[in-house]
Each structure stands twice: as structure tokens, then as C-alpha cells.
């Protein structure tokens, strides 16, 4: 039994070290957990969240941008940044397709195809109302052509309603990238009709979406 004591103490030491490392360098966070002293009120959608000050200021910027753009809570939004889980939630949006469309991360091929299939499964009345969240220079962004899945041209059928800077975890949060909240410019009827036609065309044998062709 005495021979096992060093191993037991060693295991506890390793566990304590891993916990300490997680506290000091939490995954995809801008600093140690002890610095997360900024309180964000999520209201009816989830109580209060304790985050790092830089994250809290980012959330405030997102909400301010959405408010100034006239965004209404519950409106569907498609996140095409590929890297912004939680952003739609804090702005009160309804996530179209999935809460987070995982972007083109290294070693994770097939993101465009997955996103295309997800959007194909969303009803046209919802897609016709959807806003977009994009990051034009983002490393994990989806191609602008992906909106052709529902008969939309990103540059023609949407306009920039507001912009904000999003901290980039790849730079250890020392740099930021610009994200745009895009408002649909077509009527719901026109957008829904174009969506129905686009999905019918994609259902034809041998058809391929432009974004899928990039992979």
C-alpha cells in the first residue's frame, strides 16, 4: 500500500496542475478566469454572465450596433463568420439553421458542404427574413456565394446595417477583425420566391452549389 502513495500524490499533483493551467490560460479566453469580473445581463435569455472586460465591451458593441440598426429580437440571422459562437445569442437573434455554423478551420474540411446542407433544410419563409453576420477578411469565413443556396446574392440583396470589431483568438486577442451585420433589402415575397426557385434548381440531378465547388 505504501508503494502506491507516491503515485497517488503524483496523480493529485498533476490534476491540480491541470486545473491551475485551465484557470490561468482558459481555452479561447483573453485572460485568466480571475480577470473575468465584467457582468453581462442576458435578461430573459439566460441571467447574468461573468466575462473578461474585453469580452464584455465586445458584447456591448454588438448590442449597440444591433439596436442602432433597428434589429428586432427574434429575427433570424445567419452567422457566416465561421468563428462567432454566442454572438447571435447576445444580440437576441434567432439562429438560422444552427446556433453556430463551424467555419473553414484548418484540418476540418467539408465546412462549406455542411453549411450548404444545413441551409437547404431551412424553410424559405425564414431564409427570406434572415439577416447576415459576415467577416469579410476572416480566416474561417464562408464564401459569399453560399447565399445562392437560397437564391440570394450577398452583395446585391443585403446592405450593411452596422459594423463592430471582433477580437481575434488567433492573435491571442491582441488584434480584431471587422464584422458586418447585413440587412436584407428585398421584400419577403421576392426573397421567398427566389429561395423556392433556387432550391428547386439545386434539387435537379447533377446540380452543385458554388460554395461546395470550392472545397
C-alpha atoms as a PDB file:
ATOM      1  CA  UNK A   1       0.000   0.000   0.000  1.00  0.00           C
ATOM      2  CA  UNK A   2       2.836   2.346   0.892  1.00  0.00           C
ATOM      3  CA  UNK A   3       4.244   1.875  -2.595  1.00  0.00           C
ATOM      4  CA  UNK A   4       1.089   3.374  -4.067  1.00  0.00           C
ATOM      5  CA  UNK A   5       1.266   6.599  -2.058  1.00  0.00           C
ATOM      6  CA  UNK A   6       3.820   8.326  -4.337  1.00  0.00           C
ATOM      7  CA  UNK A   7       1.652   7.538  -7.351  1.00  0.00           C
ATOM      8  CA  UNK A   8      -1.443   8.861  -5.570  1.00  0.00           C
ATOM      9  CA  UNK A   9       0.300  12.109  -4.629  1.00  0.00           C
ATOM     10  CA  UNK A  10       1.718  12.382  -8.132  1.00  0.00           C
ATOM     11  CA  UNK A  11      -1.729  11.970  -9.692  1.00  0.00           C
ATOM     12  CA  UNK A  12      -3.143  14.656  -7.397  1.00  0.00           C
ATOM     13  CA  UNK A  13      -0.265  16.982  -8.253  1.00  0.00           C
ATOM     14  CA  UNK A  14      -0.850  16.503 -11.991  1.00  0.00           C
ATOM     15  CA  UNK A  15      -4.590  17.081 -11.575  1.00  0.00           C
ATOM     16  CA  UNK A  16      -4.016  20.251  -9.554  1.00  0.00           C
ATOM     17  CA  UNK A  17      -1.569  21.465 -12.191  1.00  0.00           C
ATOM     18  CA  UNK A  18      -4.065  20.913 -14.982  1.00  0.00           C
ATOM     19  CA  UNK A  19      -6.765  22.776 -13.064  1.00  0.00           C
ATOM     20  CA  UNK A  20      -4.401  25.677 -12.387  1.00  0.00           C
ATOM     21  CA  UNK A  21      -3.379  25.799 -16.052  1.00  0.00           C
ATOM     22  CA  UNK A  22      -7.038  25.859 -17.088  1.00  0.00           C
ATOM     23  CA  UNK A  23      -7.717  28.740 -14.710  1.00  0.00           C
ATOM     24  CA  UNK A  24      -4.690  30.752 -15.818  1.00  0.00           C
ATOM     25  CA  UNK A  25      -4.993  30.029 -19.552  1.00  0.00           C
ATOM     26  CA  UNK A  26      -8.607  29.093 -20.296  1.00  0.00           C
ATOM     27  CA  UNK A  27      -9.325  27.888 -23.815  1.00  0.00           C
ATOM     28  CA  UNK A  28     -10.203  30.708 -26.245  1.00  0.00           C
ATOM     29  CA  UNK A  29     -10.375  33.299 -23.470  1.00  0.00           C
ATOM     30  CA  UNK A  30      -8.401  36.575 -23.408  1.00  0.00           C
ATOM     31  CA  UNK A  31      -7.041  36.113 -19.886  1.00  0.00           C
ATOM     32  CA  UNK A  32      -7.141  34.130 -16.633  1.00  0.00           C
ATOM     33  CA  UNK A  33     -10.529  33.375 -15.117  1.00  0.00           C
ATOM     34  CA  UNK A  34      -9.845  35.652 -12.164  1.00  0.00           C
ATOM     35  CA  UNK A  35      -9.953  38.613 -14.566  1.00  0.00           C
ATOM     36  CA  UNK A  36     -13.484  37.716 -15.672  1.00  0.00           C
ATOM     37  CA  UNK A  37     -15.159  40.335 -13.491  1.00  0.00           C
ATOM     38  CA  UNK A  38     -17.352  42.021 -16.101  1.00  0.00           C
ATOM     39  CA  UNK A  39     -21.043  41.224 -15.617  1.00  0.00           C
ATOM     40  CA  UNK A  40     -23.287  40.921 -18.661  1.00  0.00           C
ATOM     41  CA  UNK A  41     -27.041  40.799 -18.148  1.00  0.00           C
ATOM     42  CA  UNK A  42     -28.593  38.349 -20.602  1.00  0.00           C
ATOM     43  CA  UNK A  43     -32.099  39.163 -19.421  1.00  0.00           C
ATOM     44  CA  UNK A  44     -34.764  36.583 -20.057  1.00  0.00           C
ATOM     45  CA  UNK A  45     -32.408  34.542 -22.220  1.00  0.00           C
ATOM     46  CA  UNK A  46     -30.003  33.418 -19.523  1.00  0.00           C
ATOM     47  CA  UNK A  47     -29.419  35.516 -16.382  1.00  0.00           C
ATOM     48  CA  UNK A  48     -26.015  37.092 -15.762  1.00  0.00           C
ATOM     49  CA  UNK A  49     -22.743  36.099 -17.412  1.00  0.00           C
ATOM     50  CA  UNK A  50     -19.312  36.847 -15.941  1.00  0.00           C
ATOM     51  CA  UNK A  51     -16.748  37.542 -18.677  1.00  0.00           C
ATOM     52  CA  UNK A  52     -13.440  39.298 -19.277  1.00  0.00           C
ATOM     53  CA  UNK A  53     -13.717  43.101 -19.671  1.00  0.00           C
ATOM     54  CA  UNK A  54     -12.726  42.940 -23.352  1.00  0.00           C
ATOM     55  CA  UNK A  55     -15.425  40.345 -23.991  1.00  0.00           C
ATOM     56  CA  UNK A  56     -17.972  42.447 -22.138  1.00  0.00           C
ATOM     57  CA  UNK A  57     -17.141  45.501 -24.241  1.00  0.00           C
ATOM     58  CA  UNK A  58     -17.468  43.380 -27.388  1.00  0.00           C
ATOM     59  CA  UNK A  59     -20.933  42.232 -26.293  1.00  0.00           C
ATOM     60  CA  UNK A  60     -21.927  45.844 -25.619  1.00  0.00           C
ATOM     61  CA  UNK A  61     -20.712  46.841 -29.093  1.00  0.00           C
ATOM     62  CA  UNK A  62     -22.703  44.019 -30.700  1.00  0.00           C
ATOM     63  CA  UNK A  63     -25.880  45.021 -28.885  1.00  0.00           C
ATOM     64  CA  UNK A  64     -25.410  48.721 -29.610  1.00  0.00           C
ATOM     65  CA  UNK A  65     -24.847  48.001 -33.304  1.00  0.00           C
ATOM     66  CA  UNK A  66     -27.953  45.819 -33.481  1.00  0.00           C
ATOM     67  CA  UNK A  67     -30.088  48.424 -31.686  1.00  0.00           C
ATOM     68  CA  UNK A  68     -28.901  51.267 -33.918  1.00  0.00           C
ATOM     69  CA  UNK A  69     -29.605  49.130 -36.981  1.00  0.00           C
ATOM     70  CA  UNK A  70     -33.206  48.654 -35.882  1.00  0.00           C
ATOM     71  CA  UNK A  71     -32.711  44.936 -35.354  1.00  0.00           C
ATOM     72  CA  UNK A  72     -35.655  43.259 -33.640  1.00  0.00           C
ATOM     73  CA  UNK A  73     -35.087  40.453 -31.137  1.00  0.00           C
ATOM     74  CA  UNK A  74     -36.094  37.089 -32.537  1.00  0.00           C
ATOM     75  CA  UNK A  75     -35.239  37.995 -36.132  1.00  0.00           C
ATOM     76  CA  UNK A  76     -33.375  35.156 -37.891  1.00  0.00           C
ATOM     77  CA  UNK A  77     -29.677  35.702 -38.590  1.00  0.00           C
ATOM     78  CA  UNK A  78     -27.192  33.508 -40.455  1.00  0.00           C
ATOM     79  CA  UNK A  79     -23.683  33.669 -38.985  1.00  0.00           C
ATOM     80  CA  UNK A  80     -21.235  33.320 -41.888  1.00  0.00           C
ATOM     81  CA  UNK A  81     -18.135  34.372 -39.943  1.00  0.00           C
ATOM     82  CA  UNK A  82     -17.394  30.754 -39.103  1.00  0.00           C
ATOM     83  CA  UNK A  83     -15.997  31.668 -35.690  1.00  0.00           C
ATOM     84  CA  UNK A  84     -18.514  33.606 -33.622  1.00  0.00           C
ATOM     85  CA  UNK A  85     -20.420  31.212 -31.366  1.00  0.00           C
ATOM     86  CA  UNK A  86     -22.645  33.101 -28.947  1.00  0.00           C
ATOM     87  CA  UNK A  87     -22.745  36.396 -30.854  1.00  0.00           C
ATOM     88  CA  UNK A  88     -26.248  35.819 -32.205  1.00  0.00           C
ATOM     89  CA  UNK A  89     -27.437  34.829 -28.737  1.00  0.00           C
ATOM     90  CA  UNK A  90     -26.263  38.028 -27.041  1.00  0.00           C
ATOM     91  CA  UNK A  91     -27.921  40.179 -29.716  1.00  0.00           C
ATOM     92  CA  UNK A  92     -31.213  38.331 -29.265  1.00  0.00           C
ATOM     93  CA  UNK A  93     -31.268  36.806 -32.739  1.00  0.00           C
ATOM     94  CA  UNK A  94     -32.838  33.556 -33.821  1.00  0.00           C
ATOM     95  CA  UNK A  95     -30.025  31.372 -35.178  1.00  0.00           C
ATOM     96  CA  UNK A  96     -30.934  30.151 -38.644  1.00  0.00           C
ATOM     97  CA  UNK A  97     -30.009  26.542 -39.347  1.00  0.00           C
ATOM     98  CA  UNK A  98     -27.657  26.036 -36.396  1.00  0.00           C
ATOM     99  CA  UNK A  99     -26.581  28.149 -33.407  1.00  0.00           C
ATOM    100  CA  UNK A 100     -23.096  28.186 -34.930  1.00  0.00           C
ATOM    101  CA  UNK A 101     -22.050  27.237 -38.455  1.00  0.00           C
ATOM    102  CA  UNK A 102     -18.492  25.995 -37.915  1.00  0.00           C
ATOM    103  CA  UNK A 103     -16.185  27.678 -40.399  1.00  0.00           C
ATOM    104  CA  UNK A 104     -13.253  26.589 -42.517  1.00  0.00           C
ATOM    105  CA  UNK A 105     -10.810  25.766 -39.739  1.00  0.00           C
ATOM    106  CA  UNK A 106      -7.520  24.051 -40.684  1.00  0.00           C
ATOM    107  CA  UNK A 107      -7.857  20.288 -40.685  1.00  0.00           C
ATOM    108  CA  UNK A 108     -11.653  20.444 -40.803  1.00  0.00           C
ATOM    109  CA  UNK A 109     -12.619  20.036 -44.468  1.00  0.00           C
ATOM    110  CA  UNK A 110     -16.226  19.947 -45.565  1.00  0.00           C
ATOM    111  CA  UNK A 111     -17.479  23.032 -43.706  1.00  0.00           C
ATOM    112  CA  UNK A 112     -18.967  24.566 -46.857  1.00  0.00           C
ATOM    113  CA  UNK A 113     -20.810  21.368 -47.697  1.00  0.00           C
ATOM    114  CA  UNK A 114     -22.196  21.038 -44.180  1.00  0.00           C
ATOM    115  CA  UNK A 115     -23.357  24.669 -44.118  1.00  0.00           C
ATOM    116  CA  UNK A 116     -24.941  24.243 -47.548  1.00  0.00           C
ATOM    117  CA  UNK A 117     -26.902  21.205 -46.407  1.00  0.00           C
ATOM    118  CA  UNK A 118     -27.990  22.997 -43.231  1.00  0.00           C
ATOM    119  CA  UNK A 119     -29.301  25.991 -45.199  1.00  0.00           C
ATOM    120  CA  UNK A 120     -31.044  23.708 -47.675  1.00  0.00           C
ATOM    121  CA  UNK A 121     -33.042  22.342 -44.758  1.00  0.00           C
ATOM    122  CA  UNK A 122     -34.297  25.754 -43.581  1.00  0.00           C
ATOM    123  CA  UNK A 123     -37.730  26.851 -44.762  1.00  0.00           C
ATOM    124  CA  UNK A 124     -37.766  29.639 -47.350  1.00  0.00           C
ATOM    125  CA  UNK A 125     -40.041  31.966 -45.307  1.00  0.00           C
ATOM    126  CA  UNK A 126     -37.356  32.039 -42.592  1.00  0.00           C
ATOM    127  CA  UNK A 127     -34.462  32.470 -45.026  1.00  0.00           C
ATOM    128  CA  UNK A 128     -36.328  35.305 -46.740  1.00  0.00           C
ATOM    129  CA  UNK A 129     -36.344  37.262 -43.453  1.00  0.00           C
ATOM    130  CA  UNK A 130     -32.821  36.400 -42.355  1.00  0.00           C
ATOM    131  CA  UNK A 131     -30.073  38.943 -41.778  1.00  0.00           C
ATOM    132  CA  UNK A 132     -26.399  38.009 -42.162  1.00  0.00           C
ATOM    133  CA  UNK A 133     -23.353  38.321 -39.927  1.00  0.00           C
ATOM    134  CA  UNK A 134     -20.180  38.319 -42.021  1.00  0.00           C
ATOM    135  CA  UNK A 135     -16.451  38.850 -41.557  1.00  0.00           C
ATOM    136  CA  UNK A 136     -15.026  39.791 -44.991  1.00  0.00           C
ATOM    137  CA  UNK A 137     -11.370  39.264 -44.032  1.00  0.00           C
ATOM    138  CA  UNK A 138     -11.931  36.425 -41.576  1.00  0.00           C
ATOM    139  CA  UNK A 139      -9.754  33.304 -41.895  1.00  0.00           C
ATOM    140  CA  UNK A 140     -12.677  30.940 -41.272  1.00  0.00           C
ATOM    141  CA  UNK A 141     -15.424  32.779 -43.150  1.00  0.00           C
ATOM    142  CA  UNK A 142     -17.817  31.097 -45.541  1.00  0.00           C
ATOM    143  CA  UNK A 143     -17.698  32.208 -49.186  1.00  0.00           C
ATOM    144  CA  UNK A 144     -20.157  34.911 -50.182  1.00  0.00           C
ATOM    145  CA  UNK A 145     -21.585  32.520 -52.781  1.00  0.00           C
ATOM    146  CA  UNK A 146     -23.100  30.322 -50.078  1.00  0.00           C
ATOM    147  CA  UNK A 147     -26.209  32.524 -50.009  1.00  0.00           C
ATOM    148  CA  UNK A 148     -27.005  31.303 -53.517  1.00  0.00           C
ATOM    149  CA  UNK A 149     -28.373  28.196 -51.774  1.00  0.00           C
ATOM    150  CA  UNK A 150     -31.486  30.237 -51.046  1.00  0.00           C
ATOM    151  CA  UNK A 151     -31.415  32.431 -54.137  1.00  0.00           C
ATOM    152  CA  UNK A 152     -29.653  35.434 -52.624  1.00  0.00           C
ATOM    153  CA  UNK A 153     -26.674  37.466 -53.794  1.00  0.00           C
ATOM    154  CA  UNK A 154     -24.762  38.720 -50.770  1.00  0.00           C
ATOM    155  CA  UNK A 155     -23.548  41.933 -52.415  1.00  0.00           C
ATOM    156  CA  UNK A 156     -26.831  42.744 -54.167  1.00  0.00           C
ATOM    157  CA  UNK A 157     -29.569  41.584 -51.796  1.00  0.00           C
ATOM    158  CA  UNK A 158     -28.099  42.780 -48.479  1.00  0.00           C
ATOM    159  CA  UNK A 159     -26.733  46.068 -47.183  1.00  0.00           C
ATOM    160  CA  UNK A 160     -24.500  46.832 -44.209  1.00  0.00           C
ATOM    161  CA  UNK A 161     -26.680  47.799 -41.255  1.00  0.00           C
ATOM    162  CA  UNK A 162     -23.795  48.167 -38.815  1.00  0.00           C
ATOM    163  CA  UNK A 163     -20.247  47.063 -38.032  1.00  0.00           C
ATOM    164  CA  UNK A 164     -18.149  46.221 -34.989  1.00  0.00           C
ATOM    165  CA  UNK A 165     -14.717  44.806 -34.167  1.00  0.00           C
ATOM    166  CA  UNK A 166     -14.409  41.210 -33.006  1.00  0.00           C
ATOM    167  CA  UNK A 167     -11.316  40.103 -31.026  1.00  0.00           C
ATOM    168  CA  UNK A 168      -9.293  37.514 -32.939  1.00  0.00           C
ATOM    169  CA  UNK A 169      -8.319  34.493 -30.792  1.00  0.00           C
ATOM    170  CA  UNK A 170      -5.621  33.518 -33.320  1.00  0.00           C
ATOM    171  CA  UNK A 171      -3.682  36.639 -32.296  1.00  0.00           C
ATOM    172  CA  UNK A 172      -4.215  35.874 -28.595  1.00  0.00           C
ATOM    173  CA  UNK A 173      -6.884  38.591 -28.672  1.00  0.00           C
ATOM    174  CA  UNK A 174      -4.360  41.339 -29.438  1.00  0.00           C
ATOM    175  CA  UNK A 175      -5.926  42.043 -32.841  1.00  0.00           C
ATOM    176  CA  UNK A 176      -9.508  42.451 -34.013  1.00  0.00           C
ATOM    177  CA  UNK A 177     -11.389  41.876 -37.250  1.00  0.00           C
ATOM    178  CA  UNK A 178     -14.338  43.829 -38.595  1.00  0.00           C
ATOM    179  CA  UNK A 179     -17.701  42.092 -38.734  1.00  0.00           C
ATOM    180  CA  UNK A 180     -20.760  43.427 -40.542  1.00  0.00           C
ATOM    181  CA  UNK A 181     -24.411  42.960 -39.686  1.00  0.00           C
ATOM    182  CA  UNK A 182     -26.189  42.773 -43.034  1.00  0.00           C
ATOM    183  CA  UNK A 183     -29.845  43.717 -43.534  1.00  0.00           C
ATOM    184  CA  UNK A 184     -31.897  42.102 -46.355  1.00  0.00           C
ATOM    185  CA  UNK A 185     -33.009  44.623 -48.978  1.00  0.00           C
ATOM    186  CA  UNK A 186     -35.585  42.573 -50.879  1.00  0.00           C
ATOM    187  CA  UNK A 187     -39.205  42.159 -49.893  1.00  0.00           C
ATOM    188  CA  UNK A 188     -40.018  38.937 -48.069  1.00  0.00           C
ATOM    189  CA  UNK A 189     -42.182  37.874 -51.006  1.00  0.00           C
ATOM    190  CA  UNK A 190     -39.414  38.403 -53.565  1.00  0.00           C
ATOM    191  CA  UNK A 191     -36.780  36.715 -51.400  1.00  0.00           C
ATOM    192  CA  UNK A 192     -39.047  33.758 -50.650  1.00  0.00           C
ATOM    193  CA  UNK A 193     -39.837  33.281 -54.328  1.00  0.00           C
ATOM    194  CA  UNK A 194     -36.139  33.361 -55.267  1.00  0.00           C
ATOM    195  CA  UNK A 195     -35.392  30.885 -52.483  1.00  0.00           C
ATOM    196  CA  UNK A 196     -38.016  28.437 -53.722  1.00  0.00           C
ATOM    197  CA  UNK A 197     -36.641  28.626 -57.264  1.00  0.00           C
ATOM    198  CA  UNK A 198     -33.028  28.173 -56.104  1.00  0.00           C
ATOM    199  CA  UNK A 199     -33.849  25.123 -54.006  1.00  0.00           C
ATOM    200  CA  UNK A 200     -35.801  23.599 -56.884  1.00  0.00           C
ATOM    201  CA  UNK A 201     -32.789  24.089 -59.162  1.00  0.00           C
ATOM    202  CA  UNK A 202     -30.423  22.507 -56.628  1.00  0.00           C
ATOM    203  CA  UNK A 203     -32.720  19.502 -56.375  1.00  0.00           C
ATOM    204  CA  UNK A 204     -32.111  18.688 -60.032  1.00  0.00           C
ATOM    205  CA  UNK A 205     -29.745  15.750 -60.722  1.00  0.00           C
ATOM    206  CA  UNK A 206     -26.144  16.818 -61.223  1.00  0.00           C
ATOM    207  CA  UNK A 207     -26.576  20.294 -59.744  1.00  0.00           C
ATOM    208  CA  UNK A 208     -23.847  21.684 -57.470  1.00  0.00           C
ATOM    209  CA  UNK A 209     -23.723  24.771 -55.320  1.00  0.00           C
ATOM    210  CA  UNK A 210     -20.981  27.345 -55.963  1.00  0.00           C
ATOM    211  CA  UNK A 211     -19.719  27.239 -52.376  1.00  0.00           C
ATOM    212  CA  UNK A 212     -19.460  23.442 -52.398  1.00  0.00           C
ATOM    213  CA  UNK A 213     -17.380  23.585 -55.562  1.00  0.00           C
ATOM    214  CA  UNK A 214     -14.674  25.498 -53.662  1.00  0.00           C
ATOM    215  CA  UNK A 215     -13.813  22.530 -51.446  1.00  0.00           C
END
